[in-house]
Each structure stands twice: as C-alpha cells, then as structure tokens.
C-alpha cells in the first residue's frame, strides 16, 4: 500500500459496508466488488479496473488514458441508475 500511496493520482477509500445487507461483508464471496464498480462508474463515468488477475503487457498505458479522456459526454445506463436508487432504499 505504501508504494501505491506515493502516487497522488490514486485515491483510496473505505467501503461503507453498513449501507448494504450483511452478506456483502463476506469478503471472500466478492459481493462487494460489483457494488464498488457501479458506485465508481456512477461518480466518474469511466474507471480503470484492476485487481490481482490483471497483467499489463505494455508499460505505456497512455493510449488507454487518451481513449477515456477523449469522451465528450458520459452516459449512465438507466439500469445502473435503478440499481443506485434501490441501494438508497435499503
């Protein structure tokens, strides 16, 4: 973590498990993962998702950043909006 925290373009947040059903706290079941992805997409419109299974074959990822940056308009799918509305009713 110390290595990652040295980069100011990364942001670390705590996940608020209390907003979700108790089964989400079973970390080894990964039920929290799609929730985090959906929340982040709703906030930013685009994300780079990486976990331990991701292997980079190139060291220069600027082309990926350019693809994300060139979008003039971000559209959130209505299914995602409905999911976020459901979450607020828990």
PDB file of N, CA and C in Angstrom:
ATOM      1  N   UNK A   1       0.831  -1.198   0.000  1.00  0.00           N
ATOM      2  CA  UNK A   1       0.000   0.000   0.000  1.00  0.00           C
ATOM      3  C   UNK A   1       0.869   1.253   0.000  1.00  0.00           C
ATOM      4  N   UNK A   2       1.964   1.210   0.712  1.00  0.00           N
ATOM      5  CA  UNK A   2       2.829   2.388   0.784  1.00  0.00           C
ATOM      6  C   UNK A   2       3.275   2.819  -0.614  1.00  0.00           C
ATOM      7  N   UNK A   3       3.605   1.839  -1.461  1.00  0.00           N
ATOM      8  CA  UNK A   3       4.027   2.146  -2.829  1.00  0.00           C
ATOM      9  C   UNK A   3       2.923   2.855  -3.597  1.00  0.00           C
ATOM     10  N   UNK A   4       1.701   2.369  -3.474  1.00  0.00           N
ATOM     11  CA  UNK A   4       0.582   2.987  -4.176  1.00  0.00           C
ATOM     12  C   UNK A   4       0.267   4.370  -3.638  1.00  0.00           C
ATOM     13  N   UNK A   5       0.350   4.549  -2.338  1.00  0.00           N
ATOM     14  CA  UNK A   5       0.024   5.841  -1.739  1.00  0.00           C
ATOM     15  C   UNK A   5       1.012   6.930  -2.136  1.00  0.00           C
ATOM     16  N   UNK A   6       2.168   6.537  -2.646  1.00  0.00           N
ATOM     17  CA  UNK A   6       3.155   7.514  -3.096  1.00  0.00           C
ATOM     18  C   UNK A   6       2.722   8.204  -4.389  1.00  0.00           C
ATOM     19  N   UNK A   7       1.719   7.668  -5.058  1.00  0.00           N
ATOM     20  CA  UNK A   7       1.231   8.245  -6.312  1.00  0.00           C
ATOM     21  C   UNK A   7      -0.020   9.065  -6.035  1.00  0.00           C
ATOM     22  N   UNK A   8       0.056  10.354  -6.303  1.00  0.00           N
ATOM     23  CA  UNK A   8      -1.074  11.226  -5.991  1.00  0.00           C
ATOM     24  C   UNK A   8      -2.229  11.112  -6.989  1.00  0.00           C
ATOM     25  N   UNK A   9      -2.084  10.331  -8.047  1.00  0.00           N
ATOM     26  CA  UNK A   9      -3.194  10.133  -8.976  1.00  0.00           C
ATOM     27  C   UNK A   9      -4.073   8.950  -8.564  1.00  0.00           C
ATOM     28  N   UNK A  10      -3.715   8.270  -7.486  1.00  0.00           N
ATOM     29  CA  UNK A  10      -4.529   7.177  -6.956  1.00  0.00           C
ATOM     30  C   UNK A  10      -5.302   7.662  -5.745  1.00  0.00           C
ATOM     31  N   UNK A  11      -6.491   7.155  -5.593  1.00  0.00           N
ATOM     32  CA  UNK A  11      -7.325   7.530  -4.448  1.00  0.00           C
ATOM     33  C   UNK A  11      -7.789   6.268  -3.741  1.00  0.00           C
ATOM     34  N   UNK A  12      -7.622   6.236  -2.435  1.00  0.00           N
ATOM     35  CA  UNK A  12      -8.065   5.102  -1.632  1.00  0.00           C
ATOM     36  C   UNK A  12      -9.242   5.533  -0.785  1.00  0.00           C
ATOM     37  N   UNK A  13     -10.276   4.699  -0.773  1.00  0.00           N
ATOM     38  CA  UNK A  13     -11.479   4.998   0.004  1.00  0.00           C
ATOM     39  C   UNK A  13     -11.865   3.776   0.826  1.00  0.00           C
ATOM     40  N   UNK A  14     -12.557   4.025   1.913  1.00  0.00           N
ATOM     41  CA  UNK A  14     -13.120   2.932   2.704  1.00  0.00           C
ATOM     42  C   UNK A  14     -14.509   2.616   2.167  1.00  0.00           C
ATOM     43  N   UNK A  15     -14.839   1.340   2.138  1.00  0.00           N
ATOM     44  CA  UNK A  15     -16.150   0.905   1.666  1.00  0.00           C
ATOM     45  C   UNK A  15     -17.097   0.847   2.856  1.00  0.00           C
ATOM     46  N   UNK A  16     -18.238   1.491   2.734  1.00  0.00           N
ATOM     47  CA  UNK A  16     -19.208   1.559   3.825  1.00  0.00           C
ATOM     48  C   UNK A  16     -20.135   0.338   3.772  1.00  0.00           C
ATOM     49  N   UNK A  17     -19.712  -0.732   4.419  1.00  0.00           N
ATOM     50  CA  UNK A  17     -20.496  -1.971   4.419  1.00  0.00           C
ATOM     51  C   UNK A  17     -21.853  -1.799   5.083  1.00  0.00           C
ATOM     52  N   UNK A  18     -21.976  -0.844   5.974  1.00  0.00           N
ATOM     53  CA  UNK A  18     -23.238  -0.678   6.710  1.00  0.00           C
ATOM     54  C   UNK A  18     -24.400  -0.254   5.810  1.00  0.00           C
ATOM     55  N   UNK A  19     -24.111   0.198   4.600  1.00  0.00           N
ATOM     56  CA  UNK A  19     -25.159   0.610   3.667  1.00  0.00           C
ATOM     57  C   UNK A  19     -25.782  -0.573   2.932  1.00  0.00           C
ATOM     58  N   UNK A  20     -25.246  -1.777   3.132  1.00  0.00           N
ATOM     59  CA  UNK A  20     -25.661  -2.939   2.354  1.00  0.00           C
ATOM     60  C   UNK A  20     -26.018  -4.105   3.268  1.00  0.00           C
ATOM     61  N   UNK A  21     -26.694  -5.110   2.722  1.00  0.00           N
ATOM     62  CA  UNK A  21     -27.049  -6.290   3.531  1.00  0.00           C
ATOM     63  C   UNK A  21     -25.796  -6.956   4.113  1.00  0.00           C
ATOM     64  N   UNK A  22     -25.969  -7.657   5.204  1.00  0.00           N
ATOM     65  CA  UNK A  22     -24.831  -8.240   5.924  1.00  0.00           C
ATOM     66  C   UNK A  22     -24.031  -9.232   5.082  1.00  0.00           C
ATOM     67  N   UNK A  23     -24.675  -9.912   4.116  1.00  0.00           N
ATOM     68  CA  UNK A  23     -23.926 -10.886   3.315  1.00  0.00           C
ATOM     69  C   UNK A  23     -22.838 -10.232   2.461  1.00  0.00           C
ATOM     70  N   UNK A  24     -22.924  -8.933   2.236  1.00  0.00           N
ATOM     71  CA  UNK A  24     -21.892  -8.226   1.470  1.00  0.00           C
ATOM     72  C   UNK A  24     -20.574  -8.208   2.246  1.00  0.00           C
ATOM     73  N   UNK A  25     -20.629  -8.348   3.565  1.00  0.00           N
ATOM     74  CA  UNK A  25     -19.411  -8.318   4.388  1.00  0.00           C
ATOM     75  C   UNK A  25     -18.596  -9.600   4.285  1.00  0.00           C
ATOM     76  N   UNK A  26     -19.135 -10.631   3.653  1.00  0.00           N
ATOM     77  CA  UNK A  26     -18.369 -11.867   3.442  1.00  0.00           C
ATOM     78  C   UNK A  26     -17.366 -11.604   2.318  1.00  0.00           C
ATOM     79  N   UNK A  27     -16.184 -11.132   2.676  1.00  0.00           N
ATOM     80  CA  UNK A  27     -15.213 -10.643   1.696  1.00  0.00           C
ATOM     81  C   UNK A  27     -14.820 -11.680   0.654  1.00  0.00           C
ATOM     82  N   UNK A  28     -14.669 -12.922   1.058  1.00  0.00           N
ATOM     83  CA  UNK A  28     -14.231 -13.958   0.122  1.00  0.00           C
ATOM     84  C   UNK A  28     -15.287 -14.307  -0.927  1.00  0.00           C
ATOM     85  N   UNK A  29     -16.493 -13.804  -0.760  1.00  0.00           N
ATOM     86  CA  UNK A  29     -17.542 -14.027  -1.757  1.00  0.00           C
ATOM     87  C   UNK A  29     -17.590 -12.910  -2.805  1.00  0.00           C
ATOM     88  N   UNK A  30     -16.863 -11.849  -2.588  1.00  0.00           N
ATOM     89  CA  UNK A  30     -16.700 -10.747  -3.553  1.00  0.00           C
ATOM     90  C   UNK A  30     -18.003 -10.070  -3.958  1.00  0.00           C
ATOM     91  N   UNK A  31     -19.007 -10.104  -3.121  1.00  0.00           N
ATOM     92  CA  UNK A  31     -20.277  -9.438  -3.451  1.00  0.00           C
ATOM     93  C   UNK A  31     -20.149  -7.922  -3.409  1.00  0.00           C
ATOM     94  N   UNK A  32     -19.130  -7.438  -2.757  1.00  0.00           N
ATOM     95  CA  UNK A  32     -18.864  -6.008  -2.668  1.00  0.00           C
ATOM     96  C   UNK A  32     -18.295  -5.457  -3.978  1.00  0.00           C
ATOM     97  N   UNK A  33     -17.659  -6.307  -4.772  1.00  0.00           N
ATOM     98  CA  UNK A  33     -16.938  -5.842  -5.959  1.00  0.00           C
ATOM     99  C   UNK A  33     -17.840  -5.154  -6.988  1.00  0.00           C
ATOM    100  N   UNK A  34     -18.947  -5.754  -7.427  1.00  0.00           N
ATOM    101  CA  UNK A  34     -19.783  -5.052  -8.411  1.00  0.00           C
ATOM    102  C   UNK A  34     -20.418  -3.782  -7.845  1.00  0.00           C
ATOM    103  N   UNK A  35     -20.620  -3.745  -6.531  1.00  0.00           N
ATOM    104  CA  UNK A  35     -21.177  -2.535  -5.913  1.00  0.00           C
ATOM    105  C   UNK A  35     -20.172  -1.399  -6.016  1.00  0.00           C
ATOM    106  N   UNK A  36     -18.923  -1.692  -5.698  1.00  0.00           N
ATOM    107  CA  UNK A  36     -17.872  -0.671  -5.785  1.00  0.00           C
ATOM    108  C   UNK A  36     -17.707  -0.199  -7.225  1.00  0.00           C
ATOM    109  N   UNK A  37     -17.714  -1.122  -8.161  1.00  0.00           N
ATOM    110  CA  UNK A  37     -17.579  -0.750  -9.573  1.00  0.00           C
ATOM    111  C   UNK A  37     -18.748   0.134  -9.999  1.00  0.00           C
ATOM    112  N   UNK A  38     -19.975  -0.232  -9.631  1.00  0.00           N
ATOM    113  CA  UNK A  38     -21.158   0.562 -10.003  1.00  0.00           C
ATOM    114  C   UNK A  38     -21.114   1.950  -9.379  1.00  0.00           C
ATOM    115  N   UNK A  39     -20.744   2.043  -8.108  1.00  0.00           N
ATOM    116  CA  UNK A  39     -20.667   3.351  -7.447  1.00  0.00           C
ATOM    117  C   UNK A  39     -19.618   4.237  -8.112  1.00  0.00           C
ATOM    118  N   UNK A  40     -18.490   3.653  -8.439  1.00  0.00           N
ATOM    119  CA  UNK A  40     -17.405   4.422  -9.050  1.00  0.00           C
ATOM    120  C   UNK A  40     -17.776   4.874 -10.458  1.00  0.00           C
ATOM    121  N   UNK A  41     -18.397   3.996 -11.233  1.00  0.00           N
ATOM    122  CA  UNK A  41     -18.846   4.385 -12.571  1.00  0.00           C
ATOM    123  C   UNK A  41     -19.883   5.496 -12.508  1.00  0.00           C
ATOM    124  N   UNK A  42     -20.779   5.422 -11.535  1.00  0.00           N
ATOM    125  CA  UNK A  42     -21.797   6.464 -11.393  1.00  0.00           C
ATOM    126  C   UNK A  42     -21.157   7.804 -11.059  1.00  0.00           C
ATOM    127  N   UNK A  43     -20.086   7.774 -10.293  1.00  0.00           N
ATOM    128  CA  UNK A  43     -19.428   9.020  -9.892  1.00  0.00           C
ATOM    129  C   UNK A  43     -18.533   9.592 -10.985  1.00  0.00           C
ATOM    130  N   UNK A  44     -17.783   8.727 -11.673  1.00  0.00           N
ATOM    131  CA  UNK A  44     -16.766   9.210 -12.604  1.00  0.00           C
ATOM    132  C   UNK A  44     -17.083   8.970 -14.078  1.00  0.00           C
ATOM    133  N   UNK A  45     -17.971   8.045 -14.389  1.00  0.00           N
ATOM    134  CA  UNK A  45     -18.303   7.774 -15.781  1.00  0.00           C
ATOM    135  C   UNK A  45     -17.371   6.799 -16.466  1.00  0.00           C
ATOM    136  N   UNK A  46     -16.131   6.736 -16.040  1.00  0.00           N
ATOM    137  CA  UNK A  46     -15.161   5.785 -16.595  1.00  0.00           C
ATOM    138  C   UNK A  46     -14.162   5.451 -15.499  1.00  0.00           C
ATOM    139  N   UNK A  47     -13.699   4.225 -15.495  1.00  0.00           N
ATOM    140  CA  UNK A  47     -12.708   3.812 -14.499  1.00  0.00           C
ATOM    141  C   UNK A  47     -11.700   2.877 -15.148  1.00  0.00           C
ATOM    142  N   UNK A  48     -10.564   2.732 -14.511  1.00  0.00           N
ATOM    143  CA  UNK A  48      -9.616   1.677 -14.836  1.00  0.00           C
ATOM    144  C   UNK A  48      -9.776   0.661 -13.729  1.00  0.00           C
ATOM    145  N   UNK A  49     -10.285  -0.505 -14.067  1.00  0.00           N
ATOM    146  CA  UNK A  49     -10.471  -1.540 -13.057  1.00  0.00           C
ATOM    147  C   UNK A  49      -9.304  -2.516 -13.127  1.00  0.00           C
ATOM    148  N   UNK A  50      -8.671  -2.731 -11.999  1.00  0.00           N
ATOM    149  CA  UNK A  50      -7.559  -3.672 -11.931  1.00  0.00           C
ATOM    150  C   UNK A  50      -7.639  -4.442 -10.627  1.00  0.00           C
ATOM    151  N   UNK A  51      -7.317  -5.713 -10.707  1.00  0.00           N
ATOM    152  CA  UNK A  51      -7.124  -6.499  -9.497  1.00  0.00           C
ATOM    153  C   UNK A  51      -5.936  -7.425  -9.748  1.00  0.00           C
ATOM    154  N   UNK A  52      -5.728  -8.388  -8.885  1.00  0.00           N
ATOM    155  CA  UNK A  52      -4.534  -9.234  -8.980  1.00  0.00           C
ATOM    156  C   UNK A  52      -4.498 -10.090 -10.244  1.00  0.00           C
ATOM    157  N   UNK A  53      -5.596 -10.217 -10.952  1.00  0.00           N
ATOM    158  CA  UNK A  53      -5.611 -11.016 -12.179  1.00  0.00           C
ATOM    159  C   UNK A  53      -5.176 -10.213 -13.408  1.00  0.00           C
ATOM    160  N   UNK A  54      -5.048  -8.904 -13.283  1.00  0.00           N
ATOM    161  CA  UNK A  54      -4.694  -8.048 -14.411  1.00  0.00           C
ATOM    162  C   UNK A  54      -3.179  -8.068 -14.614  1.00  0.00           C
ATOM    163  N   UNK A  55      -2.760  -8.348 -15.843  1.00  0.00           N
ATOM    164  CA  UNK A  55      -1.345  -8.346 -16.197  1.00  0.00           C
ATOM    165  C   UNK A  55      -1.164  -7.373 -17.357  1.00  0.00           C
ATOM    166  N   UNK A  56      -0.309  -6.377 -17.174  1.00  0.00           N
ATOM    167  CA  UNK A  56      -0.042  -5.409 -18.235  1.00  0.00           C
ATOM    168  C   UNK A  56       1.045  -5.959 -19.151  1.00  0.00           C
ATOM    169  N   UNK A  57       0.782  -5.934 -20.439  1.00  0.00           N
ATOM    170  CA  UNK A  57       1.764  -6.399 -21.406  1.00  0.00           C
ATOM    171  C   UNK A  57       2.602  -5.251 -21.948  1.00  0.00           C
ATOM    172  N   UNK A  58       2.165  -4.035 -21.717  1.00  0.00           N
ATOM    173  CA  UNK A  58       2.911  -2.844 -22.130  1.00  0.00           C
ATOM    174  C   UNK A  58       3.084  -1.954 -20.913  1.00  0.00           C
ATOM    175  N   UNK A  59       4.183  -1.242 -20.860  1.00  0.00           N
ATOM    176  CA  UNK A  59       4.379  -0.326 -19.735  1.00  0.00           C
ATOM    177  C   UNK A  59       3.755   1.041 -20.002  1.00  0.00           C
ATOM    178  N   UNK A  60       3.529   1.373 -21.267  1.00  0.00           N
ATOM    179  CA  UNK A  60       2.942   2.668 -21.611  1.00  0.00           C
ATOM    180  C   UNK A  60       1.439   2.496 -21.823  1.00  0.00           C
ATOM    181  N   UNK A  61       0.658   3.004 -20.894  1.00  0.00           N
ATOM    182  CA  UNK A  61      -0.798   2.896 -20.979  1.00  0.00           C
ATOM    183  C   UNK A  61      -1.450   4.223 -21.364  1.00  0.00           C
ATOM    184  N   UNK A  62      -0.679   5.140 -21.910  1.00  0.00           N
ATOM    185  CA  UNK A  62      -1.221   6.455 -22.250  1.00  0.00           C
ATOM    186  C   UNK A  62      -2.348   6.356 -23.278  1.00  0.00           C
ATOM    187  N   UNK A  63      -2.306   5.362 -24.151  1.00  0.00           N
ATOM    188  CA  UNK A  63      -3.378   5.210 -25.146  1.00  0.00           C
ATOM    189  C   UNK A  63      -4.718   4.923 -24.476  1.00  0.00           C
ATOM    190  N   UNK A  64      -4.700   4.193 -23.371  1.00  0.00           N
ATOM    191  CA  UNK A  64      -5.940   3.917 -22.640  1.00  0.00           C
ATOM    192  C   UNK A  64      -6.463   5.210 -22.031  1.00  0.00           C
ATOM    193  N   UNK A  65      -5.576   5.991 -21.453  1.00  0.00           N
ATOM    194  CA  UNK A  65      -5.973   7.275 -20.869  1.00  0.00           C
ATOM    195  C   UNK A  65      -6.550   8.189 -21.938  1.00  0.00           C
ATOM    196  N   UNK A  66      -5.956   8.207 -23.116  1.00  0.00           N
ATOM    197  CA  UNK A  66      -6.469   9.039 -24.208  1.00  0.00           C
ATOM    198  C   UNK A  66      -7.869   8.600 -24.628  1.00  0.00           C
ATOM    199  N   UNK A  67      -8.110   7.301 -24.669  1.00  0.00           N
ATOM    200  CA  UNK A  67      -9.444   6.811 -25.030  1.00  0.00           C
ATOM    201  C   UNK A  67     -10.493   7.285 -24.036  1.00  0.00           C
ATOM    202  N   UNK A  68     -10.154   7.244 -22.767  1.00  0.00           N
ATOM    203  CA  UNK A  68     -11.094   7.679 -21.739  1.00  0.00           C
ATOM    204  C   UNK A  68     -11.263   9.194 -21.779  1.00  0.00           C
ATOM    205  N   UNK A  69     -10.173   9.912 -21.944  1.00  0.00           N
ATOM    206  CA  UNK A  69     -10.202  11.378 -21.913  1.00  0.00           C
ATOM    207  C   UNK A  69     -10.903  11.988 -23.118  1.00  0.00           C
ATOM    208  N   UNK A  70     -10.925  11.294 -24.241  1.00  0.00           N
ATOM    209  CA  UNK A  70     -11.477  11.893 -25.460  1.00  0.00           C
ATOM    210  C   UNK A  70     -12.999  11.912 -25.467  1.00  0.00           C
ATOM    211  N   UNK A  71     -13.627  11.255 -24.519  1.00  0.00           N
ATOM    212  CA  UNK A  71     -15.094  11.227 -24.491  1.00  0.00           C
ATOM    213  C   UNK A  71     -15.629  12.584 -24.058  1.00  0.00           C
ATOM    214  N   UNK A  72     -16.469  13.153 -24.886  1.00  0.00           N
ATOM    215  CA  UNK A  72     -17.055  14.454 -24.558  1.00  0.00           C
ATOM    216  C   UNK A  72     -18.255  14.322 -23.644  1.00  0.00           C
ATOM    217  N   UNK A  73     -18.901  13.192 -23.693  1.00  0.00           N
ATOM    218  CA  UNK A  73     -20.154  13.022 -22.981  1.00  0.00           C
ATOM    219  C   UNK A  73     -20.179  11.645 -22.336  1.00  0.00           C
ATOM    220  N   UNK A  74     -20.588  11.581 -21.095  1.00  0.00           N
ATOM    221  CA  UNK A  74     -20.690  10.305 -20.390  1.00  0.00           C
ATOM    222  C   UNK A  74     -22.161   9.991 -20.197  1.00  0.00           C
ATOM    223  N   UNK A  75     -22.566   8.809 -20.580  1.00  0.00           N
ATOM    224  CA  UNK A  75     -23.951   8.377 -20.415  1.00  0.00           C
ATOM    225  C   UNK A  75     -24.004   7.285 -19.359  1.00  0.00           C
ATOM    226  N   UNK A  76     -24.865   7.445 -18.374  1.00  0.00           N
ATOM    227  CA  UNK A  76     -25.066   6.408 -17.371  1.00  0.00           C
ATOM    228  C   UNK A  76     -26.286   5.608 -17.785  1.00  0.00           C
ATOM    229  N   UNK A  77     -26.113   4.309 -17.858  1.00  0.00           N
ATOM    230  CA  UNK A  77     -27.220   3.447 -18.272  1.00  0.00           C
ATOM    231  C   UNK A  77     -28.329   3.483 -17.233  1.00  0.00           C
ATOM    232  N   UNK A  78     -29.553   3.427 -17.698  1.00  0.00           N
ATOM    233  CA  UNK A  78     -30.689   3.510 -16.780  1.00  0.00           C
ATOM    234  C   UNK A  78     -30.714   2.348 -15.806  1.00  0.00           C
ATOM    235  N   UNK A  79     -30.191   1.183 -16.188  1.00  0.00           N
ATOM    236  CA  UNK A  79     -30.164   0.054 -15.250  1.00  0.00           C
ATOM    237  C   UNK A  79     -29.274   0.376 -14.067  1.00  0.00           C
ATOM    238  N   UNK A  80     -28.178   1.071 -14.301  1.00  0.00           N
ATOM    239  CA  UNK A  80     -27.295   1.469 -13.211  1.00  0.00           C
ATOM    240  C   UNK A  80     -27.993   2.474 -12.307  1.00  0.00           C
ATOM    241  N   UNK A  81     -28.705   3.405 -12.894  1.00  0.00           N
ATOM    242  CA  UNK A  81     -29.430   4.382 -12.083  1.00  0.00           C
ATOM    243  C   UNK A  81     -30.475   3.700 -11.213  1.00  0.00           C
ATOM    244  N   UNK A  82     -31.180   2.718 -11.762  1.00  0.00           N
ATOM    245  CA  UNK A  82     -32.169   1.985 -10.964  1.00  0.00           C
ATOM    246  C   UNK A  82     -31.493   1.249  -9.818  1.00  0.00           C
ATOM    247  N   UNK A  83     -30.319   0.673 -10.070  1.00  0.00           N
ATOM    248  CA  UNK A  83     -29.580  -0.019  -9.021  1.00  0.00           C
ATOM    249  C   UNK A  83     -29.227   0.954  -7.904  1.00  0.00           C
ATOM    250  N   UNK A  84     -28.748   2.120  -8.264  1.00  0.00           N
ATOM    251  CA  UNK A  84     -28.360   3.104  -7.254  1.00  0.00           C
ATOM    252  C   UNK A  84     -29.569   3.577  -6.466  1.00  0.00           C
ATOM    253  N   UNK A  85     -30.728   3.701  -7.119  1.00  0.00           N
ATOM    254  CA  UNK A  85     -31.949   4.066  -6.406  1.00  0.00           C
ATOM    255  C   UNK A  85     -32.343   2.977  -5.416  1.00  0.00           C
ATOM    256  N   UNK A  86     -32.205   1.714  -5.820  1.00  0.00           N
ATOM    257  CA  UNK A  86     -32.518   0.603  -4.922  1.00  0.00           C
ATOM    258  C   UNK A  86     -31.613   0.622  -3.700  1.00  0.00           C
ATOM    259  N   UNK A  87     -30.344   0.932  -3.907  1.00  0.00           N
ATOM    260  CA  UNK A  87     -29.392   0.967  -2.807  1.00  0.00           C
ATOM    261  C   UNK A  87     -29.809   1.988  -1.761  1.00  0.00           C
ATOM    262  N   UNK A  88     -30.289   3.123  -2.201  1.00  0.00           N
ATOM    263  CA  UNK A  88     -30.665   4.177  -1.252  1.00  0.00           C
ATOM    264  C   UNK A  88     -31.905   3.811  -0.448  1.00  0.00           C
ATOM    265  N   UNK A  89     -32.666   2.821  -0.911  1.00  0.00           N
ATOM    266  CA  UNK A  89     -33.868   2.423  -0.175  1.00  0.00           C
ATOM    267  C   UNK A  89     -33.591   1.347   0.873  1.00  0.00           C
ATOM    268  N   UNK A  90     -32.347   0.852   0.945  1.00  0.00           N
ATOM    269  CA  UNK A  90     -32.008  -0.190   1.935  1.00  0.00           C
ATOM    270  C   UNK A  90     -31.965   0.364   3.339  1.00  0.00           C
TER     271      UNK A  90
END
